[in-house]
Amino acid sequence: MTQTRSLLAVFVLTMLAVISPVRAEDEDPPLRGKKLSEWIDLLQNGKTVDQRRVGLLAVKLIGPRKSRKVVPALIAAVRENTEVKIRVGAALALGDIAGKARADDDIPIDKIRDALAAVLRTDKSDPVREASARALGDMKDKARGVSGVLAVALKDAHAGTRTAAANALRKLGKDATEVLGELQTALKNAKLERLTRIHCALALGRIGAPDALPAVPTLKEVLGNTKNDGEIRKACAQALGELGKDASDAVPTLAATLTAKDSELALRRACAEALDQMGADARPALSALRTALKDDDQFVRSLSLHAISYMGKELGEDRKTTVLGVLTCMDDNVLEVRVAAIEALGNLGTEGLGDQAAAVIVRLTEAKRDPQKAVSNAAEVALKKLQ
């Protein structure tokens, strides 16, 4: 047994020695019998594209943690290599390296970012510009300061580059605030491809309130235009939901879209969720939410119930009609909807239920005896809130 453990320990130590990083100061680590400098030479000067691709792969595999020469070699490749495929591969490799870099890594993130931005601005190859935009997106928050370059790329002649730039801006989140206008212009441009416009809408949501609030009219306009693609309208609803109660000006548009006969399922779900995220500020949508309690989709029904549950004090003259609608959902054929209805009644509270409270308590007391454990447990919790 002791001998076996000793052999295992030797094996583990051997493997660790093989895979442990070489110190950066060693500068020329080997891979498969060749030093890094030889792989870099193959990357730069290989006679065929395949040879250069092998060199590129080897340089990436060695990685910047083993040598400080790796990043400069990849930057040189993305800027200067005569082969388009190599420039594309180098750009993506740089984005991957920067995106995965740890805080304590000695990796020149700024140089990577600036090189990719320069290539995005100036390279004449469509695939290379697209790859550079994708790589900047892969860097996420490490690509701060390039939103202007990405915004210019939204007007690129190449569709793939435009889409990659919009996606990168989405990933930048608040760092894309300075190009709020460009994102709105692209979102409204019906001539642009669907995916670019979707990313622009989602980017506005990711910027968040209060910075993106000036974009609410644009999001409303695109959402409310039935000529727009359903997925684009869905992205606008999602963005408005992320902006939350500060985007309550969009409640009427969300409500109308939620109950429109031609609204697709995914769009209805997005509208219901957005209204739910607005809390009591979604009160103007109450009529639409009551209508949505009869939607064919269980998730729309559940989300609508949850949205209504915020409106206890705001129900006013609509209290009786609303409470009766929620009570009807306690008989829904879907367990999750029944539970959502019970939770909504509890969340409305005695003040929200008003003179309907007594009838609700009777129904909840009956539900405590329901054979479905989820229903009985939910009823017990709701009753405690009301008592």
Protein backbone atom coordinates (compact mmCIF):
# COMPACT_ATOMS: atom_id res chain seq x y z
CA MET A 1 0.00 0.00 0.00
CA THR A 2 2.83 2.41 0.94
CA GLN A 3 4.64 1.65 -2.30
CA THR A 4 1.46 2.30 -4.29
CA ARG A 5 0.99 5.68 -2.61
CA SER A 6 4.62 6.59 -3.33
CA LEU A 7 4.23 5.76 -7.01
CA LEU A 8 1.02 7.82 -7.17
CA ALA A 9 2.75 10.77 -5.54
CA VAL A 10 5.61 10.59 -8.06
CA PHE A 11 3.09 10.45 -10.92
CA VAL A 12 1.20 13.52 -9.66
CA LEU A 13 4.40 15.53 -9.15
CA THR A 14 5.58 14.57 -12.63
CA MET A 15 2.32 15.76 -14.18
CA LEU A 16 2.44 19.02 -12.25
CA ALA A 17 5.95 19.62 -13.50
CA VAL A 18 4.73 19.10 -17.05
CA ILE A 19 1.73 21.41 -16.86
CA SER A 20 2.99 24.07 -14.45
CA PRO A 21 3.59 27.44 -16.17
CA VAL A 22 7.10 28.39 -17.16
CA ARG A 23 8.19 31.66 -15.60
CA ALA A 24 7.64 34.65 -17.87
CA GLU A 25 11.34 35.54 -17.66
CA ASP A 26 12.23 32.24 -19.38
CA GLU A 27 10.68 33.85 -22.47
CA ASP A 28 11.23 31.00 -24.94
CA PRO A 29 9.34 27.95 -23.60
CA PRO A 30 9.13 24.85 -25.77
CA LEU A 31 6.12 23.04 -27.17
CA ARG A 32 6.42 19.69 -28.94
CA GLY A 33 10.12 20.03 -29.50
CA LYS A 34 10.10 23.63 -30.78
CA LYS A 35 10.76 26.82 -28.88
CA LEU A 36 8.26 29.66 -28.86
CA SER A 37 10.52 31.75 -31.09
CA GLU A 38 10.38 29.03 -33.75
CA TRP A 39 6.58 28.88 -33.56
CA ILE A 40 6.39 32.67 -33.86
CA ASP A 41 8.61 32.53 -36.93
CA LEU A 42 6.27 29.91 -38.44
CA LEU A 43 3.29 32.12 -37.63
CA GLN A 44 4.89 35.09 -39.33
CA ASN A 45 6.69 33.49 -42.23
CA GLY A 46 5.18 30.08 -42.91
CA LYS A 47 4.99 29.41 -46.64
CA THR A 48 1.39 28.17 -46.51
CA VAL A 49 -1.71 29.23 -44.62
CA ASP A 50 -1.80 25.85 -42.88
CA GLN A 51 1.75 26.31 -41.62
CA ARG A 52 0.91 29.73 -40.24
CA ARG A 53 -2.24 28.37 -38.65
CA VAL A 54 -0.19 25.70 -36.89
CA GLY A 55 2.15 28.43 -35.67
CA LEU A 56 -0.79 30.49 -34.46
CA LEU A 57 -2.25 27.54 -32.57
CA ALA A 58 1.09 26.75 -30.94
CA VAL A 59 1.63 30.35 -29.83
CA LYS A 60 -1.85 30.45 -28.33
CA LEU A 61 -1.34 27.11 -26.57
CA ILE A 62 1.90 28.31 -24.99
CA GLY A 63 0.00 31.38 -23.80
CA PRO A 64 0.97 34.67 -22.19
CA ARG A 65 1.43 33.19 -18.73
CA LYS A 66 4.45 31.29 -20.02
CA SER A 67 6.03 34.09 -22.00
CA ARG A 68 5.63 37.81 -22.47
CA LYS A 69 6.39 37.32 -26.17
CA VAL A 70 3.02 35.70 -26.90
CA VAL A 71 0.81 38.81 -26.89
CA PRO A 72 3.16 40.96 -29.02
CA ALA A 73 3.39 38.10 -31.53
CA LEU A 74 -0.39 37.86 -31.78
CA ILE A 75 -0.75 41.64 -32.05
CA ALA A 76 1.78 41.66 -34.86
CA ALA A 77 -0.15 38.87 -36.57
CA VAL A 78 -3.51 40.64 -36.39
CA ARG A 79 -1.98 43.87 -37.69
CA GLU A 80 0.48 42.69 -40.29
CA ASN A 81 0.00 39.09 -41.42
CA THR A 82 -0.83 38.92 -45.10
CA GLU A 83 -3.25 36.02 -44.64
CA VAL A 84 -6.82 36.95 -43.73
CA LYS A 85 -7.43 33.69 -41.86
CA ILE A 86 -4.40 34.33 -39.68
CA ARG A 87 -5.48 37.87 -38.85
CA VAL A 88 -8.93 36.54 -37.97
CA GLY A 89 -7.49 33.79 -35.77
CA ALA A 90 -5.08 36.17 -34.06
CA ALA A 91 -7.87 38.65 -33.29
CA LEU A 92 -10.04 35.96 -31.74
CA ALA A 93 -7.09 34.58 -29.78
CA LEU A 94 -6.36 38.03 -28.34
CA GLY A 95 -9.98 38.51 -27.32
CA ASP A 96 -10.00 35.11 -25.64
CA ILE A 97 -6.75 35.79 -23.78
CA ALA A 98 -7.88 39.21 -22.56
CA GLY A 99 -11.34 37.98 -21.62
CA LYS A 100 -9.95 35.16 -19.48
CA ALA A 101 -7.11 37.17 -17.95
CA ARG A 102 -6.98 37.27 -14.18
CA ALA A 103 -6.26 40.42 -12.19
CA ASP A 104 -2.81 39.15 -11.22
CA ASP A 105 -1.80 38.15 -14.77
CA ASP A 106 0.98 40.15 -16.39
CA ILE A 107 -0.97 40.63 -19.63
CA PRO A 108 -1.05 44.00 -21.44
CA ILE A 109 -4.83 44.33 -21.71
CA ASP A 110 -4.66 47.93 -22.93
CA LYS A 111 -2.38 47.00 -25.81
CA ILE A 112 -4.69 44.17 -26.84
CA ARG A 113 -7.72 46.46 -26.71
CA ASP A 114 -6.03 49.23 -28.70
CA ALA A 115 -4.73 46.82 -31.34
CA LEU A 116 -8.16 45.27 -31.88
CA ALA A 117 -9.80 48.70 -32.04
CA ALA A 118 -7.27 49.85 -34.62
CA VAL A 119 -7.84 46.78 -36.76
CA LEU A 120 -11.61 47.25 -36.52
CA ARG A 121 -11.17 50.79 -37.81
CA THR A 122 -8.70 50.17 -40.60
CA ASP A 123 -8.55 46.58 -41.87
CA LYS A 124 -9.92 46.17 -45.39
CA SER A 125 -11.05 42.59 -44.84
CA ASP A 126 -14.65 42.04 -43.73
CA PRO A 127 -13.91 38.86 -41.75
CA VAL A 128 -11.01 40.52 -39.93
CA ARG A 129 -13.10 43.52 -38.87
CA GLU A 130 -15.87 41.19 -37.74
CA ALA A 131 -13.41 39.08 -35.75
CA SER A 132 -11.94 42.19 -34.11
CA ALA A 133 -15.40 43.37 -33.04
CA ARG A 134 -16.17 39.89 -31.68
CA ALA A 135 -12.88 39.86 -29.80
CA LEU A 136 -13.62 43.23 -28.20
CA GLY A 137 -16.94 41.79 -27.10
CA ASP A 138 -15.16 38.79 -25.61
CA MET A 139 -13.10 41.22 -23.51
CA LYS A 140 -16.33 42.58 -21.93
CA ASP A 141 -15.54 45.17 -19.25
CA LYS A 142 -11.85 44.98 -20.10
CA ALA A 143 -12.67 46.72 -23.40
CA ARG A 144 -13.63 50.00 -21.72
CA GLY A 145 -12.99 53.01 -23.91
CA VAL A 146 -13.80 51.45 -27.29
CA SER A 147 -17.54 52.11 -27.43
CA GLY A 148 -16.94 54.94 -29.90
CA VAL A 149 -15.09 52.65 -32.29
CA LEU A 150 -17.80 50.01 -31.97
CA ALA A 151 -20.49 52.63 -32.61
CA VAL A 152 -18.79 53.60 -35.87
CA ALA A 153 -18.75 49.91 -36.77
CA LEU A 154 -22.55 49.86 -36.50
CA LYS A 155 -22.41 51.62 -39.90
CA ASP A 156 -19.86 49.21 -41.38
CA ALA A 157 -20.60 48.01 -44.92
CA HIS A 158 -20.33 44.41 -43.71
CA ALA A 159 -23.37 42.96 -41.92
CA GLY A 160 -21.32 40.55 -39.83
CA THR A 161 -19.18 43.39 -38.52
CA ARG A 162 -22.24 45.47 -37.66
CA THR A 163 -23.78 42.59 -35.73
CA ALA A 164 -20.54 41.79 -33.89
CA ALA A 165 -20.13 45.46 -32.95
CA ALA A 166 -23.70 45.65 -31.61
CA ASN A 167 -23.15 42.47 -29.59
CA ALA A 168 -19.91 43.88 -28.17
CA LEU A 169 -21.73 47.06 -27.12
CA ARG A 170 -24.34 44.89 -25.40
CA LYS A 171 -21.59 43.16 -23.44
CA LEU A 172 -20.05 46.50 -22.43
CA GLY A 173 -23.16 47.40 -20.44
CA LYS A 174 -22.89 50.84 -18.82
CA ASP A 175 -19.65 51.51 -20.65
CA ALA A 176 -21.75 51.95 -23.80
CA THR A 177 -23.61 54.94 -22.33
CA GLU A 178 -21.69 57.45 -24.42
CA VAL A 179 -23.06 55.94 -27.64
CA LEU A 180 -26.69 55.91 -26.55
CA GLY A 181 -27.69 57.93 -29.61
CA GLU A 182 -25.94 55.62 -32.06
CA LEU A 183 -27.59 52.57 -30.51
CA GLN A 184 -31.02 54.16 -30.87
CA THR A 185 -30.35 55.15 -34.48
CA ALA A 186 -29.33 51.60 -35.36
CA LEU A 187 -32.32 50.12 -33.50
CA LYS A 188 -34.74 52.27 -35.49
CA ASN A 189 -33.07 51.54 -38.83
CA ALA A 190 -35.41 49.09 -40.55
CA LYS A 191 -32.77 48.43 -43.22
CA LEU A 192 -30.37 46.85 -40.76
CA GLU A 193 -30.32 43.12 -40.15
CA ARG A 194 -32.48 41.75 -37.36
CA LEU A 195 -29.69 40.53 -35.08
CA THR A 196 -27.90 43.88 -35.08
CA ARG A 197 -31.08 45.66 -34.02
CA ILE A 198 -31.78 43.04 -31.33
CA HIS A 199 -28.33 43.54 -29.80
CA CYS A 200 -28.80 47.32 -29.87
CA ALA A 201 -32.09 47.04 -27.98
CA LEU A 202 -30.56 44.72 -25.39
CA ALA A 203 -27.55 47.04 -25.08
CA LEU A 204 -29.90 49.87 -24.09
CA GLY A 205 -31.35 47.66 -21.38
CA ARG A 206 -27.90 46.68 -20.15
CA ILE A 207 -26.89 50.35 -19.84
CA GLY A 208 -29.74 50.63 -17.36
CA ALA A 209 -31.44 53.48 -15.54
CA PRO A 210 -30.97 56.37 -15.31
CA ASP A 211 -28.46 56.59 -18.15
CA ALA A 212 -30.61 54.82 -20.74
CA LEU A 213 -33.90 56.51 -19.89
CA PRO A 214 -33.63 58.92 -22.86
CA ALA A 215 -33.98 55.79 -25.03
CA VAL A 216 -37.42 54.86 -23.65
CA PRO A 217 -39.31 56.68 -26.46
CA THR A 218 -37.27 54.78 -29.06
CA LEU A 219 -37.87 51.44 -27.36
CA LYS A 220 -41.59 52.22 -27.16
CA GLU A 221 -41.71 53.19 -30.82
CA VAL A 222 -40.01 50.03 -32.04
CA LEU A 223 -42.00 47.80 -29.68
CA GLY A 224 -45.30 49.29 -30.76
CA ASN A 225 -44.60 49.04 -34.50
CA THR A 226 -46.18 45.76 -35.65
CA LYS A 227 -44.17 45.92 -38.87
CA ASN A 228 -41.02 45.19 -36.91
CA ASP A 229 -39.77 41.63 -36.45
CA GLY A 230 -41.17 39.91 -33.37
CA GLU A 231 -37.73 39.17 -31.95
CA ILE A 232 -36.74 42.85 -32.23
CA ARG A 233 -39.93 43.88 -30.42
CA LYS A 234 -39.27 41.23 -27.78
CA ALA A 235 -35.77 42.66 -27.19
CA CYS A 236 -37.30 46.12 -26.73
CA ALA A 237 -39.72 44.75 -24.14
CA GLN A 238 -36.85 43.04 -22.33
CA ALA A 239 -34.86 46.28 -22.32
CA LEU A 240 -37.81 48.22 -20.91
CA GLY A 241 -38.15 45.58 -18.21
CA GLU A 242 -34.51 46.01 -17.26
CA LEU A 243 -35.06 49.76 -16.95
CA GLY A 244 -37.87 48.92 -14.50
CA LYS A 245 -40.23 51.47 -12.97
CA ASP A 246 -38.21 54.34 -14.42
CA ALA A 247 -39.53 53.28 -17.83
CA SER A 248 -43.17 53.32 -16.72
CA ASP A 249 -44.02 55.63 -19.63
CA ALA A 250 -43.89 52.47 -21.73
CA VAL A 251 -46.57 50.67 -19.69
CA PRO A 252 -49.43 51.43 -22.13
CA THR A 253 -47.38 50.15 -25.08
CA LEU A 254 -46.41 47.00 -23.18
CA ALA A 255 -50.03 46.44 -22.17
CA ALA A 256 -51.33 46.84 -25.71
CA THR A 257 -48.70 44.46 -27.06
CA LEU A 258 -49.39 41.91 -24.33
CA THR A 259 -53.01 41.52 -25.38
CA ALA A 260 -52.74 42.10 -29.13
CA LYS A 261 -54.09 39.17 -31.15
CA ASP A 262 -51.06 39.14 -33.45
CA SER A 263 -48.43 39.13 -30.67
CA GLU A 264 -46.33 35.99 -30.70
CA LEU A 265 -45.87 33.93 -27.54
CA ALA A 266 -42.28 35.03 -26.88
CA LEU A 267 -43.31 38.67 -27.25
CA ARG A 268 -46.27 38.26 -24.87
CA ARG A 269 -44.02 36.64 -22.29
CA ALA A 270 -41.50 39.47 -22.58
CA CYS A 271 -44.22 42.10 -22.13
CA ALA A 272 -45.70 40.34 -19.10
CA GLU A 273 -42.26 40.02 -17.53
CA ALA A 274 -41.45 43.68 -18.21
CA LEU A 275 -44.69 44.79 -16.55
CA ASP A 276 -43.89 42.52 -13.62
CA GLN A 277 -40.49 44.21 -13.27
CA MET A 278 -42.18 47.62 -13.03
CA GLY A 279 -44.06 46.71 -9.87
CA ALA A 280 -46.93 48.97 -8.81
CA ASP A 281 -45.98 51.43 -11.57
CA ALA A 282 -47.55 48.97 -14.02
CA ARG A 283 -51.01 49.92 -12.64
CA PRO A 284 -52.15 51.45 -15.97
CA ALA A 285 -51.78 47.96 -17.47
CA LEU A 286 -54.15 46.35 -14.97
CA SER A 287 -56.92 45.74 -17.51
CA ALA A 288 -54.46 44.08 -19.90
CA LEU A 289 -53.01 41.98 -17.10
CA ARG A 290 -56.50 40.76 -16.16
CA THR A 291 -57.07 39.81 -19.78
CA ALA A 292 -53.72 37.99 -19.79
CA LEU A 293 -54.94 35.79 -16.92
CA LYS A 294 -56.81 33.91 -19.66
CA ASP A 295 -53.80 33.67 -22.00
CA ASP A 296 -53.13 30.26 -23.54
CA ASP A 297 -49.63 30.26 -22.06
CA GLN A 298 -49.12 29.31 -18.41
CA PHE A 299 -46.06 31.55 -18.05
CA VAL A 300 -47.96 34.61 -19.28
CA ARG A 301 -50.71 33.82 -16.79
CA SER A 302 -48.24 33.33 -13.93
CA LEU A 303 -46.26 36.48 -14.74
CA SER A 304 -49.46 38.51 -14.97
CA LEU A 305 -50.58 37.25 -11.57
CA HIS A 306 -47.25 38.24 -10.07
CA ALA A 307 -47.45 41.70 -11.64
CA ILE A 308 -50.97 42.20 -10.22
CA SER A 309 -49.77 41.17 -6.76
CA TYR A 310 -47.80 44.44 -6.43
CA MET A 311 -50.91 46.60 -6.84
CA GLY A 312 -52.75 46.05 -3.57
CA LYS A 313 -53.21 49.68 -2.57
CA GLU A 314 -53.58 50.80 -6.18
CA LEU A 315 -56.50 48.59 -7.22
CA GLY A 316 -59.15 51.13 -6.27
CA GLU A 317 -62.46 50.67 -8.08
CA ASP A 318 -61.01 47.72 -9.99
CA ARG A 319 -60.47 45.74 -6.79
CA LYS A 320 -63.46 43.39 -7.00
CA THR A 321 -63.02 42.54 -10.68
CA THR A 322 -59.30 41.97 -10.20
CA VAL A 323 -59.64 39.78 -7.10
CA LEU A 324 -62.31 37.67 -8.78
CA GLY A 325 -59.99 37.18 -11.74
CA VAL A 326 -57.18 36.03 -9.46
CA LEU A 327 -59.55 33.71 -7.58
CA THR A 328 -60.56 32.12 -10.88
CA CYS A 329 -56.90 31.24 -11.46
CA MET A 330 -56.96 29.15 -8.31
CA ASP A 331 -58.89 26.63 -10.44
CA ASP A 332 -56.37 26.70 -13.28
CA ASN A 333 -55.41 23.32 -14.77
CA VAL A 334 -51.70 24.12 -14.30
CA LEU A 335 -50.29 23.69 -10.80
CA GLU A 336 -47.81 26.56 -11.11
CA VAL A 337 -50.58 28.99 -12.07
CA ARG A 338 -52.72 27.91 -9.10
CA VAL A 339 -49.79 28.50 -6.76
CA ALA A 340 -49.07 31.89 -8.40
CA ALA A 341 -52.72 32.90 -7.84
CA ILE A 342 -52.56 31.98 -4.16
CA GLU A 343 -49.28 33.86 -3.72
CA ALA A 344 -50.77 36.90 -5.44
CA LEU A 345 -53.73 36.94 -3.05
CA GLY A 346 -51.39 36.81 -0.06
CA ASN A 347 -49.20 39.57 -1.46
CA LEU A 348 -52.17 41.86 -2.13
CA GLY A 349 -52.76 41.92 1.62
CA THR A 350 -55.93 42.74 3.51
CA GLU A 351 -55.69 46.39 2.51
CA GLY A 352 -55.45 45.46 -1.14
CA LEU A 353 -58.26 42.90 -0.94
CA GLY A 354 -60.57 45.28 0.90
CA ASP A 355 -64.10 43.92 1.26
CA GLN A 356 -63.05 40.86 -0.75
CA ALA A 357 -60.75 39.70 2.06
CA ALA A 358 -63.33 37.49 3.79
CA ALA A 359 -64.17 35.56 0.61
CA VAL A 360 -60.47 35.16 -0.18
CA ILE A 361 -59.74 33.79 3.30
CA VAL A 362 -62.50 31.18 2.85
CA ARG A 363 -60.98 30.03 -0.45
CA LEU A 364 -57.48 29.92 0.99
CA THR A 365 -58.67 27.94 4.01
CA GLU A 366 -60.19 25.38 1.62
CA ALA A 367 -56.92 25.33 -0.34
CA LYS A 368 -55.01 24.37 2.81
CA ARG A 369 -56.65 20.95 2.46
CA ASP A 370 -55.64 20.55 -1.17
CA PRO A 371 -53.89 17.20 -1.86
CA GLN A 372 -51.21 19.04 -3.84
CA LYS A 373 -48.55 19.95 -1.28
CA ALA A 374 -47.43 23.02 -3.25
CA VAL A 375 -50.99 24.40 -3.17
CA SER A 376 -51.62 23.70 0.52
CA ASN A 377 -48.26 25.16 1.55
CA ALA A 378 -48.81 28.30 -0.55
CA ALA A 379 -52.28 28.74 0.98
CA GLU A 380 -50.89 28.46 4.49
CA VAL A 381 -48.28 31.13 3.79
CA ALA A 382 -50.87 33.42 2.17
CA LEU A 383 -53.24 33.08 5.13
CA LYS A 384 -50.48 34.06 7.56
CA LYS A 385 -49.93 37.23 5.52
CA LEU A 386 -53.63 38.06 5.66
CA GLN A 387 -54.12 37.29 9.35
